[in-house]
Amino acid sequence: MTEGKKTRSHAFFHTRLLSILSVSMVLVIVGSLGLVEIVGMVIKDKVQEQISFNLLLDEDSTPEQDSLLCRKIKSEPFVSDMRYISKAEAAKALEDELGENPVQVLGYNPLQAEIQIHLKSEYAHPDSLGKIDEKIRIWNGVENLSYRQELFDVVHQNMVKVQYFLIAVTILLLIISFIQINNTTRLLIYGKRFQIRTLSLVGATPGFIRKPFVLKSMLDGVWSAILACLIIYGALSALKEWLFPDIYDYLPDIYLVELAGCLLLISVIVSALTSFMAARRYIRMDGSKMHLI
């Protein structure tokens, strides 16, 4: 009889281990998609912050006035970075491009000082550009403002399409994850169905019967999430070592922590919910039917 208990115990342990591994593989797939979303968001921010506003300053503005305007621009919340280009620097850039010094050719410098502004990604939205445009144009010292509106629009539209696609795939994977975890948990509790029936017959309440199954499933969910995070971390380390040395430039630590937290929540919540439903099913099941499944 002792040997039979050991055999059942080993079988249950192996089933539980396979359950943890199975859930971990599902979480790895979900986590991999999460990494893709993070990389997409970071690339979107970098692309949007590379698009610039060009402010052409008044021809008769003085260096002191230009300096005051630069300080004012830096204080604006929508500015990610700025660069002041003096008349002399503009002339030098034109000379490098044309091969001739415009000052020597014309006898004077026809160029004006300008300021290049890069916006923060959260302000690089078509709706925000119009408000920023109106605000900058009324500043003293600014003669003209130019930027490629169509480039902002194209980047925004493409990024929105990619985000919608990733959201749709994420929802699909979450549904698949729920089904997979549900099937795994039901298989695990299936082996304990007669124990559930016995507890019901001796008068145990449904809550008392469900509690150990739910808690154990939640613990398994924690282990599954930890294992999934370790696998993802190992894969990222291998990619950094062999293929993409700068991969972590596109994966900020805060986003990775949030992703790990999401995987843990998904695993624990879904495991608890599926174990609750599976245990309830066998608690309510008629004893005669339990022997037929």
C-alpha atoms as a PDB file:
ATOM      1  CA  MET A   1       0.000   0.000   0.000  1.00  0.00           C
ATOM      2  CA  THR A   2       2.940   2.279   0.800  1.00  0.00           C
ATOM      3  CA  GLU A   3       4.382   1.571  -2.631  1.00  0.00           C
ATOM      4  CA  GLY A   4       1.070   2.541  -4.226  1.00  0.00           C
ATOM      5  CA  LYS A   5       1.046   5.864  -2.376  1.00  0.00           C
ATOM      6  CA  LYS A   6       4.631   6.551  -3.482  1.00  0.00           C
ATOM      7  CA  THR A   7       3.711   5.754  -7.066  1.00  0.00           C
ATOM      8  CA  ARG A   8       0.703   8.079  -6.977  1.00  0.00           C
ATOM      9  CA  SER A   9       2.794  10.768  -5.298  1.00  0.00           C
ATOM     10  CA  HIS A  10       5.492  10.530  -7.980  1.00  0.00           C
ATOM     11  CA  ALA A  11       2.881  10.559 -10.721  1.00  0.00           C
ATOM     12  CA  PHE A  12       1.243  13.653  -9.234  1.00  0.00           C
ATOM     13  CA  PHE A  13       4.645  15.358  -8.890  1.00  0.00           C
ATOM     14  CA  HIS A  14       5.489  14.641 -12.533  1.00  0.00           C
ATOM     15  CA  THR A  15       2.074  15.902 -13.629  1.00  0.00           C
ATOM     16  CA  ARG A  16       2.565  19.061 -11.584  1.00  0.00           C
ATOM     17  CA  LEU A  17       6.052  19.571 -13.019  1.00  0.00           C
ATOM     18  CA  LEU A  18       4.751  19.166 -16.567  1.00  0.00           C
ATOM     19  CA  SER A  19       1.998  21.628 -15.716  1.00  0.00           C
ATOM     20  CA  ILE A  20       4.538  24.247 -14.583  1.00  0.00           C
ATOM     21  CA  LEU A  21       6.666  23.690 -17.684  1.00  0.00           C
ATOM     22  CA  SER A  22       3.643  23.865 -19.959  1.00  0.00           C
ATOM     23  CA  VAL A  23       2.441  27.147 -18.460  1.00  0.00           C
ATOM     24  CA  SER A  24       5.987  28.524 -18.605  1.00  0.00           C
ATOM     25  CA  MET A  25       6.211  27.898 -22.328  1.00  0.00           C
ATOM     26  CA  VAL A  26       2.965  29.775 -22.869  1.00  0.00           C
ATOM     27  CA  LEU A  27       4.265  32.679 -20.773  1.00  0.00           C
ATOM     28  CA  VAL A  28       7.513  32.725 -22.752  1.00  0.00           C
ATOM     29  CA  ILE A  29       5.534  33.218 -25.953  1.00  0.00           C
ATOM     30  CA  VAL A  30       3.454  35.989 -24.377  1.00  0.00           C
ATOM     31  CA  GLY A  31       6.599  37.559 -22.920  1.00  0.00           C
ATOM     32  CA  SER A  32       8.366  37.443 -26.275  1.00  0.00           C
ATOM     33  CA  LEU A  33       5.519  39.363 -27.836  1.00  0.00           C
ATOM     34  CA  GLY A  34       5.754  41.819 -24.944  1.00  0.00           C
ATOM     35  CA  LEU A  35       9.436  42.340 -25.760  1.00  0.00           C
ATOM     36  CA  VAL A  36       8.518  43.057 -29.367  1.00  0.00           C
ATOM     37  CA  GLU A  37       6.005  45.659 -28.186  1.00  0.00           C
ATOM     38  CA  ILE A  38       8.608  47.294 -25.936  1.00  0.00           C
ATOM     39  CA  VAL A  39      11.166  47.456 -28.748  1.00  0.00           C
ATOM     40  CA  GLY A  40       8.490  48.902 -31.043  1.00  0.00           C
ATOM     41  CA  MET A  41       7.597  51.619 -28.526  1.00  0.00           C
ATOM     42  CA  VAL A  42      11.246  52.566 -27.993  1.00  0.00           C
ATOM     43  CA  ILE A  43      11.937  52.689 -31.744  1.00  0.00           C
ATOM     44  CA  LYS A  44       8.811  54.791 -32.232  1.00  0.00           C
ATOM     45  CA  ASP A  45       9.998  57.253 -29.591  1.00  0.00           C
ATOM     46  CA  LYS A  46      13.475  57.444 -31.110  1.00  0.00           C
ATOM     47  CA  VAL A  47      12.113  58.010 -34.626  1.00  0.00           C
ATOM     48  CA  GLN A  48       9.686  60.691 -33.490  1.00  0.00           C
ATOM     49  CA  GLU A  49      12.372  62.488 -31.501  1.00  0.00           C
ATOM     50  CA  GLN A  50      14.635  62.592 -34.570  1.00  0.00           C
ATOM     51  CA  ILE A  51      12.120  64.679 -36.525  1.00  0.00           C
ATOM     52  CA  SER A  52      12.945  68.341 -36.024  1.00  0.00           C
ATOM     53  CA  PHE A  53      11.453  71.826 -36.099  1.00  0.00           C
ATOM     54  CA  ASN A  54      13.624  74.490 -37.745  1.00  0.00           C
ATOM     55  CA  LEU A  55      13.264  78.001 -36.356  1.00  0.00           C
ATOM     56  CA  LEU A  56      14.663  80.737 -38.614  1.00  0.00           C
ATOM     57  CA  LEU A  57      15.619  83.683 -36.424  1.00  0.00           C
ATOM     58  CA  ASP A  58      15.264  87.366 -37.260  1.00  0.00           C
ATOM     59  CA  GLU A  59      18.108  88.651 -39.367  1.00  0.00           C
ATOM     60  CA  ASP A  60      18.779  91.588 -37.052  1.00  0.00           C
ATOM     61  CA  SER A  61      18.645  89.573 -33.821  1.00  0.00           C
ATOM     62  CA  THR A  62      21.667  89.864 -31.548  1.00  0.00           C
ATOM     63  CA  PRO A  63      23.586  86.968 -29.931  1.00  0.00           C
ATOM     64  CA  GLU A  64      22.156  88.028 -26.547  1.00  0.00           C
ATOM     65  CA  GLN A  65      18.604  87.841 -27.893  1.00  0.00           C
ATOM     66  CA  ASP A  66      19.343  84.460 -29.466  1.00  0.00           C
ATOM     67  CA  SER A  67      20.727  83.230 -26.143  1.00  0.00           C
ATOM     68  CA  LEU A  68      17.574  84.319 -24.299  1.00  0.00           C
ATOM     69  CA  LEU A  69      15.410  82.567 -26.891  1.00  0.00           C
ATOM     70  CA  CYS A  70      17.461  79.366 -26.525  1.00  0.00           C
ATOM     71  CA  ARG A  71      16.955  79.387 -22.753  1.00  0.00           C
ATOM     72  CA  LYS A  72      13.236  79.913 -23.264  1.00  0.00           C
ATOM     73  CA  ILE A  73      13.044  76.998 -25.688  1.00  0.00           C
ATOM     74  CA  LYS A  74      14.928  74.674 -23.324  1.00  0.00           C
ATOM     75  CA  SER A  75      12.396  75.413 -20.587  1.00  0.00           C
ATOM     76  CA  GLU A  76       9.459  74.252 -22.711  1.00  0.00           C
ATOM     77  CA  PRO A  77       8.069  70.815 -21.700  1.00  0.00           C
ATOM     78  CA  PHE A  78       7.765  69.603 -25.293  1.00  0.00           C
ATOM     79  CA  VAL A  79      11.472  70.065 -26.133  1.00  0.00           C
ATOM     80  CA  SER A  80      13.656  66.957 -26.032  1.00  0.00           C
ATOM     81  CA  ASP A  81      16.781  68.541 -27.509  1.00  0.00           C
ATOM     82  CA  MET A  82      17.779  71.694 -29.353  1.00  0.00           C
ATOM     83  CA  ARG A  83      20.732  72.991 -31.326  1.00  0.00           C
ATOM     84  CA  TYR A  84      21.604  76.611 -32.044  1.00  0.00           C
ATOM     85  CA  ILE A  85      23.226  77.250 -35.443  1.00  0.00           C
ATOM     86  CA  SER A  86      24.826  80.683 -35.737  1.00  0.00           C
ATOM     87  CA  LYS A  87      25.199  82.600 -38.993  1.00  0.00           C
ATOM     88  CA  ALA A  88      28.880  81.637 -39.172  1.00  0.00           C
ATOM     89  CA  GLU A  89      28.089  77.942 -38.609  1.00  0.00           C
ATOM     90  CA  ALA A  90      25.379  78.062 -41.286  1.00  0.00           C
ATOM     91  CA  ALA A  91      27.838  79.655 -43.730  1.00  0.00           C
ATOM     92  CA  LYS A  92      30.463  76.998 -42.931  1.00  0.00           C
ATOM     93  CA  ALA A  93      27.929  74.194 -43.507  1.00  0.00           C
ATOM     94  CA  LEU A  94      26.957  75.726 -46.863  1.00  0.00           C
ATOM     95  CA  GLU A  95      30.615  76.045 -47.799  1.00  0.00           C
ATOM     96  CA  ASP A  96      31.199  72.372 -47.014  1.00  0.00           C
ATOM     97  CA  GLU A  97      28.187  71.458 -49.163  1.00  0.00           C
ATOM     98  CA  LEU A  98      28.908  73.721 -52.171  1.00  0.00           C
ATOM     99  CA  GLY A  99      32.670  73.977 -51.971  1.00  0.00           C
ATOM    100  CA  GLU A 100      32.591  77.788 -51.954  1.00  0.00           C
ATOM    101  CA  ASN A 101      32.431  80.330 -49.164  1.00  0.00           C
ATOM    102  CA  PRO A 102      29.223  82.409 -49.625  1.00  0.00           C
ATOM    103  CA  VAL A 103      30.764  85.326 -47.704  1.00  0.00           C
ATOM    104  CA  GLN A 104      33.706  85.539 -50.117  1.00  0.00           C
ATOM    105  CA  VAL A 105      31.454  85.169 -53.158  1.00  0.00           C
ATOM    106  CA  LEU A 106      28.746  87.681 -52.136  1.00  0.00           C
ATOM    107  CA  GLY A 107      30.753  89.903 -49.869  1.00  0.00           C
ATOM    108  CA  TYR A 108      28.402  89.291 -46.933  1.00  0.00           C
ATOM    109  CA  ASN A 109      26.729  86.419 -45.102  1.00  0.00           C
ATOM    110  CA  PRO A 110      23.208  85.953 -46.530  1.00  0.00           C
ATOM    111  CA  LEU A 111      22.271  83.243 -44.037  1.00  0.00           C
ATOM    112  CA  GLN A 112      20.395  83.649 -40.800  1.00  0.00           C
ATOM    113  CA  ALA A 113      20.847  81.967 -37.466  1.00  0.00           C
ATOM    114  CA  GLU A 114      18.460  79.107 -36.758  1.00  0.00           C
ATOM    115  CA  ILE A 115      17.484  76.685 -34.030  1.00  0.00           C
ATOM    116  CA  GLN A 116      16.714  73.007 -34.538  1.00  0.00           C
ATOM    117  CA  ILE A 117      14.234  71.571 -32.035  1.00  0.00           C
ATOM    118  CA  HIS A 118      13.563  67.891 -31.434  1.00  0.00           C
ATOM    119  CA  LEU A 119      10.278  67.153 -29.707  1.00  0.00           C
ATOM    120  CA  LYS A 120       9.652  64.639 -26.969  1.00  0.00           C
ATOM    121  CA  SER A 121       7.886  61.598 -28.363  1.00  0.00           C
ATOM    122  CA  GLU A 122       4.665  62.244 -26.421  1.00  0.00           C
ATOM    123  CA  TYR A 123       4.341  65.625 -28.156  1.00  0.00           C
ATOM    124  CA  ALA A 124       5.132  64.320 -31.658  1.00  0.00           C
ATOM    125  CA  HIS A 125       1.449  63.734 -32.356  1.00  0.00           C
ATOM    126  CA  PRO A 126      -0.285  65.474 -35.279  1.00  0.00           C
ATOM    127  CA  ASP A 127      -2.802  67.060 -32.889  1.00  0.00           C
ATOM    128  CA  SER A 128      -0.008  68.540 -30.763  1.00  0.00           C
ATOM    129  CA  LEU A 129       2.017  69.923 -33.661  1.00  0.00           C
ATOM    130  CA  GLY A 130      -0.533  72.584 -34.560  1.00  0.00           C
ATOM    131  CA  LYS A 131      -0.608  73.933 -30.991  1.00  0.00           C
ATOM    132  CA  ILE A 132       3.191  73.973 -30.786  1.00  0.00           C
ATOM    133  CA  ASP A 133       3.361  75.682 -34.183  1.00  0.00           C
ATOM    134  CA  GLU A 134       0.983  78.443 -33.052  1.00  0.00           C
ATOM    135  CA  LYS A 135       2.900  78.950 -29.820  1.00  0.00           C
ATOM    136  CA  ILE A 136       6.357  79.209 -31.419  1.00  0.00           C
ATOM    137  CA  ARG A 137       5.376  81.538 -34.257  1.00  0.00           C
ATOM    138  CA  ILE A 138       4.392  84.362 -31.885  1.00  0.00           C
ATOM    139  CA  TRP A 139       7.712  84.326 -30.032  1.00  0.00           C
ATOM    140  CA  ASN A 140       9.867  87.402 -30.427  1.00  0.00           C
ATOM    141  CA  GLY A 141      12.923  86.731 -32.557  1.00  0.00           C
ATOM    142  CA  VAL A 142      11.366  83.943 -34.630  1.00  0.00           C
ATOM    143  CA  GLU A 143      10.943  84.923 -38.286  1.00  0.00           C
ATOM    144  CA  ASN A 144       9.774  81.602 -39.668  1.00  0.00           C
ATOM    145  CA  LEU A 145       9.106  78.044 -38.615  1.00  0.00           C
ATOM    146  CA  SER A 146       9.340  74.990 -40.830  1.00  0.00           C
ATOM    147  CA  TYR A 147       8.849  71.262 -40.314  1.00  0.00           C
ATOM    148  CA  ARG A 148       7.713  68.298 -42.360  1.00  0.00           C
ATOM    149  CA  GLN A 149       4.117  67.809 -41.334  1.00  0.00           C
ATOM    150  CA  GLU A 150       3.658  64.914 -43.765  1.00  0.00           C
ATOM    151  CA  LEU A 151       6.605  63.076 -42.206  1.00  0.00           C
ATOM    152  CA  PHE A 152       5.057  63.374 -38.740  1.00  0.00           C
ATOM    153  CA  ASP A 153       1.750  62.100 -40.132  1.00  0.00           C
ATOM    154  CA  VAL A 154       3.300  59.104 -41.920  1.00  0.00           C
ATOM    155  CA  VAL A 155       5.332  58.051 -38.880  1.00  0.00           C
ATOM    156  CA  HIS A 156       2.307  58.375 -36.586  1.00  0.00           C
ATOM    157  CA  GLN A 157      -0.026  56.451 -38.904  1.00  0.00           C
ATOM    158  CA  ASN A 158       2.443  53.605 -39.381  1.00  0.00           C
ATOM    159  CA  MET A 159       3.117  53.324 -35.663  1.00  0.00           C
ATOM    160  CA  VAL A 160      -0.617  53.231 -34.901  1.00  0.00           C
ATOM    161  CA  LYS A 161      -1.102  50.399 -37.398  1.00  0.00           C
ATOM    162  CA  VAL A 162       1.739  48.415 -35.827  1.00  0.00           C
ATOM    163  CA  GLN A 163       0.318  48.986 -32.340  1.00  0.00           C
ATOM    164  CA  TYR A 164      -3.150  47.794 -33.364  1.00  0.00           C
ATOM    165  CA  PHE A 165      -1.639  44.665 -34.914  1.00  0.00           C
ATOM    166  CA  LEU A 166       0.396  43.900 -31.786  1.00  0.00           C
ATOM    167  CA  ILE A 167      -2.640  44.481 -29.561  1.00  0.00           C
ATOM    168  CA  ALA A 168      -4.696  42.056 -31.651  1.00  0.00           C
ATOM    169  CA  VAL A 169      -1.959  39.404 -31.501  1.00  0.00           C
ATOM    170  CA  THR A 170      -1.585  39.968 -27.746  1.00  0.00           C
ATOM    171  CA  ILE A 171      -5.308  39.433 -27.157  1.00  0.00           C
ATOM    172  CA  LEU A 172      -5.195  36.260 -29.252  1.00  0.00           C
ATOM    173  CA  LEU A 173      -2.213  34.931 -27.301  1.00  0.00           C
ATOM    174  CA  LEU A 174      -3.881  35.735 -23.994  1.00  0.00           C
ATOM    175  CA  ILE A 175      -6.932  33.732 -25.061  1.00  0.00           C
ATOM    176  CA  ILE A 176      -4.706  30.836 -26.102  1.00  0.00           C
ATOM    177  CA  SER A 177      -2.819  31.143 -22.808  1.00  0.00           C
ATOM    178  CA  PHE A 178      -6.043  30.964 -20.830  1.00  0.00           C
ATOM    179  CA  ILE A 179      -7.168  27.862 -22.715  1.00  0.00           C
ATOM    180  CA  GLN A 180      -3.777  26.169 -22.287  1.00  0.00           C
ATOM    181  CA  ILE A 181      -3.496  26.969 -18.578  1.00  0.00           C
ATOM    182  CA  ASN A 182      -7.122  25.941 -18.057  1.00  0.00           C
ATOM    183  CA  ASN A 183      -6.560  22.563 -19.705  1.00  0.00           C
ATOM    184  CA  THR A 184      -3.362  21.984 -17.744  1.00  0.00           C
ATOM    185  CA  THR A 185      -4.974  22.910 -14.419  1.00  0.00           C
ATOM    186  CA  ARG A 186      -8.049  20.774 -15.081  1.00  0.00           C
ATOM    187  CA  LEU A 187      -5.811  17.795 -15.867  1.00  0.00           C
ATOM    188  CA  LEU A 188      -3.958  18.345 -12.605  1.00  0.00           C
ATOM    189  CA  ILE A 189      -7.150  18.534 -10.523  1.00  0.00           C
ATOM    190  CA  TYR A 190      -8.667  15.611 -12.452  1.00  0.00           C
ATOM    191  CA  GLY A 191      -6.258  13.307 -10.634  1.00  0.00           C
ATOM    192  CA  LYS A 192      -7.668  14.512  -7.316  1.00  0.00           C
ATOM    193  CA  ARG A 193     -11.351  14.228  -8.227  1.00  0.00           C
ATOM    194  CA  PHE A 194     -12.019  11.284  -5.907  1.00  0.00           C
ATOM    195  CA  GLN A 195     -10.369  13.117  -3.028  1.00  0.00           C
ATOM    196  CA  ILE A 196     -12.711  16.041  -3.730  1.00  0.00           C
ATOM    197  CA  ARG A 197     -15.659  13.648  -3.758  1.00  0.00           C
ATOM    198  CA  THR A 198     -14.596  12.138  -0.435  1.00  0.00           C
ATOM    199  CA  LEU A 199     -14.332  15.551   1.212  1.00  0.00           C
ATOM    200  CA  SER A 200     -17.785  16.449  -0.099  1.00  0.00           C
ATOM    201  CA  LEU A 201     -19.277  13.267   1.354  1.00  0.00           C
ATOM    202  CA  VAL A 202     -17.863  13.943   4.823  1.00  0.00           C
ATOM    203  CA  GLY A 203     -19.463  17.406   4.846  1.00  0.00           C
ATOM    204  CA  ALA A 204     -16.591  19.716   3.893  1.00  0.00           C
ATOM    205  CA  THR A 205     -17.753  23.046   2.516  1.00  0.00           C
ATOM    206  CA  PRO A 206     -16.995  23.935  -1.114  1.00  0.00           C
ATOM    207  CA  GLY A 207     -14.732  26.782   0.017  1.00  0.00           C
ATOM    208  CA  PHE A 208     -12.719  24.457   2.267  1.00  0.00           C
ATOM    209  CA  ILE A 209     -12.290  21.955  -0.590  1.00  0.00           C
ATOM    210  CA  ARG A 210     -11.323  24.563  -3.194  1.00  0.00           C
ATOM    211  CA  LYS A 211      -8.847  26.504  -1.064  1.00  0.00           C
ATOM    212  CA  PRO A 212      -5.827  24.119  -1.204  1.00  0.00           C
ATOM    213  CA  PHE A 213      -6.249  23.586  -4.950  1.00  0.00           C
ATOM    214  CA  VAL A 214      -6.454  27.314  -5.652  1.00  0.00           C
ATOM    215  CA  LEU A 215      -3.473  28.121  -3.418  1.00  0.00           C
ATOM    216  CA  LYS A 216      -1.373  25.344  -4.917  1.00  0.00           C
ATOM    217  CA  SER A 217      -2.273  26.458  -8.442  1.00  0.00           C
ATOM    218  CA  MET A 218      -1.327  30.044  -7.579  1.00  0.00           C
ATOM    219  CA  LEU A 219       2.027  28.819  -6.258  1.00  0.00           C
ATOM    220  CA  ASP A 220       2.550  26.830  -9.450  1.00  0.00           C
ATOM    221  CA  GLY A 221       1.703  30.010 -11.353  1.00  0.00           C
ATOM    222  CA  VAL A 222       4.455  31.846  -9.480  1.00  0.00           C
ATOM    223  CA  TRP A 223       6.983  29.146 -10.321  1.00  0.00           C
ATOM    224  CA  SER A 224       5.849  29.152 -13.946  1.00  0.00           C
ATOM    225  CA  ALA A 225       6.304  32.929 -14.191  1.00  0.00           C
ATOM    226  CA  ILE A 226       9.750  32.769 -12.571  1.00  0.00           C
ATOM    227  CA  LEU A 227      10.826  30.012 -14.953  1.00  0.00           C
ATOM    228  CA  ALA A 228       9.477  31.957 -17.945  1.00  0.00           C
ATOM    229  CA  CYS A 229      11.349  35.102 -16.874  1.00  0.00           C
ATOM    230  CA  LEU A 230      14.580  33.107 -16.494  1.00  0.00           C
ATOM    231  CA  ILE A 231      14.162  31.632 -19.973  1.00  0.00           C
ATOM    232  CA  ILE A 232      13.500  35.075 -21.466  1.00  0.00           C
ATOM    233  CA  TYR A 233      16.487  36.544 -19.610  1.00  0.00           C
ATOM    234  CA  GLY A 234      18.714  33.728 -20.878  1.00  0.00           C
ATOM    235  CA  ALA A 235      17.524  34.283 -24.443  1.00  0.00           C
ATOM    236  CA  LEU A 236      18.163  38.043 -24.183  1.00  0.00           C
ATOM    237  CA  SER A 237      21.636  37.437 -22.757  1.00  0.00           C
ATOM    238  CA  ALA A 238      22.430  35.090 -25.642  1.00  0.00           C
ATOM    239  CA  LEU A 239      21.181  37.643 -28.170  1.00  0.00           C
ATOM    240  CA  LYS A 240      23.292  40.363 -26.539  1.00  0.00           C
ATOM    241  CA  GLU A 241      26.348  38.140 -26.569  1.00  0.00           C
ATOM    242  CA  TRP A 242      26.105  36.780 -30.090  1.00  0.00           C
ATOM    243  CA  LEU A 243      23.820  38.893 -32.289  1.00  0.00           C
ATOM    244  CA  PHE A 244      22.691  42.260 -30.870  1.00  0.00           C
ATOM    245  CA  PRO A 245      25.189  43.763 -28.396  1.00  0.00           C
ATOM    246  CA  ASP A 246      23.044  46.890 -27.966  1.00  0.00           C
ATOM    247  CA  ILE A 247      19.725  45.084 -27.500  1.00  0.00           C
ATOM    248  CA  TYR A 248      19.242  46.484 -23.989  1.00  0.00           C
ATOM    249  CA  ASP A 249      19.299  50.008 -25.426  1.00  0.00           C
ATOM    250  CA  TYR A 250      15.839  49.155 -26.753  1.00  0.00           C
ATOM    251  CA  LEU A 251      14.688  47.391 -23.584  1.00  0.00           C
ATOM    252  CA  PRO A 252      14.662  49.846 -20.643  1.00  0.00           C
ATOM    253  CA  ASP A 253      14.869  48.203 -17.222  1.00  0.00           C
ATOM    254  CA  ILE A 254      11.570  49.680 -16.068  1.00  0.00           C
ATOM    255  CA  TYR A 255       9.752  48.085 -19.018  1.00  0.00           C
ATOM    256  CA  LEU A 256      11.379  44.705 -18.344  1.00  0.00           C
ATOM    257  CA  VAL A 257      10.300  44.859 -14.700  1.00  0.00           C
ATOM    258  CA  GLU A 258       6.757  45.751 -15.764  1.00  0.00           C
ATOM    259  CA  LEU A 259       6.744  42.859 -18.250  1.00  0.00           C
ATOM    260  CA  ALA A 260       7.884  40.413 -15.562  1.00  0.00           C
ATOM    261  CA  GLY A 261       5.147  41.719 -13.274  1.00  0.00           C
ATOM    262  CA  CYS A 262       2.530  41.270 -15.993  1.00  0.00           C
ATOM    263  CA  LEU A 263       3.629  37.690 -16.636  1.00  0.00           C
ATOM    264  CA  LEU A 264       3.421  36.957 -12.911  1.00  0.00           C
ATOM    265  CA  LEU A 265      -0.059  38.448 -12.645  1.00  0.00           C
ATOM    266  CA  ILE A 266      -1.309  36.605 -15.727  1.00  0.00           C
ATOM    267  CA  SER A 267       0.065  33.297 -14.480  1.00  0.00           C
ATOM    268  CA  VAL A 268      -1.250  33.628 -10.918  1.00  0.00           C
ATOM    269  CA  ILE A 269      -4.674  35.036 -11.789  1.00  0.00           C
ATOM    270  CA  VAL A 270      -5.381  32.588 -14.616  1.00  0.00           C
ATOM    271  CA  SER A 271      -4.115  29.629 -12.553  1.00  0.00           C
ATOM    272  CA  ALA A 272      -6.310  30.628  -9.618  1.00  0.00           C
ATOM    273  CA  LEU A 273      -9.359  31.164 -11.815  1.00  0.00           C
ATOM    274  CA  THR A 274      -9.008  27.901 -13.726  1.00  0.00           C
ATOM    275  CA  SER A 275      -8.356  25.858 -10.583  1.00  0.00           C
ATOM    276  CA  PHE A 276     -11.400  27.446  -8.950  1.00  0.00           C
ATOM    277  CA  MET A 277     -13.608  26.470 -11.909  1.00  0.00           C
ATOM    278  CA  ALA A 278     -12.161  22.966 -12.177  1.00  0.00           C
ATOM    279  CA  ALA A 279     -12.556  22.242  -8.470  1.00  0.00           C
ATOM    280  CA  ARG A 280     -16.107  23.607  -8.495  1.00  0.00           C
ATOM    281  CA  ARG A 281     -16.953  21.303 -11.384  1.00  0.00           C
ATOM    282  CA  TYR A 282     -15.939  18.174  -9.456  1.00  0.00           C
ATOM    283  CA  ILE A 283     -17.547  19.419  -6.225  1.00  0.00           C
ATOM    284  CA  ARG A 284     -20.888  19.744  -8.031  1.00  0.00           C
ATOM    285  CA  MET A 285     -20.506  16.562 -10.056  1.00  0.00           C
ATOM    286  CA  ASP A 286     -22.681  13.578  -9.191  1.00  0.00           C
ATOM    287  CA  GLY A 287     -20.709  10.696  -7.761  1.00  0.00           C
ATOM    288  CA  SER A 288     -22.042   8.214 -10.329  1.00  0.00           C
ATOM    289  CA  LYS A 289     -20.846  10.378 -13.216  1.00  0.00           C
ATOM    290  CA  MET A 290     -17.399  10.892 -11.686  1.00  0.00           C
ATOM    291  CA  HIS A 291     -16.553   7.206 -12.238  1.00  0.00           C
ATOM    292  CA  LEU A 292     -17.412   7.533 -15.935  1.00  0.00           C
ATOM    293  CA  ILE A 293     -14.952  10.329 -16.822  1.00  0.00           C
END
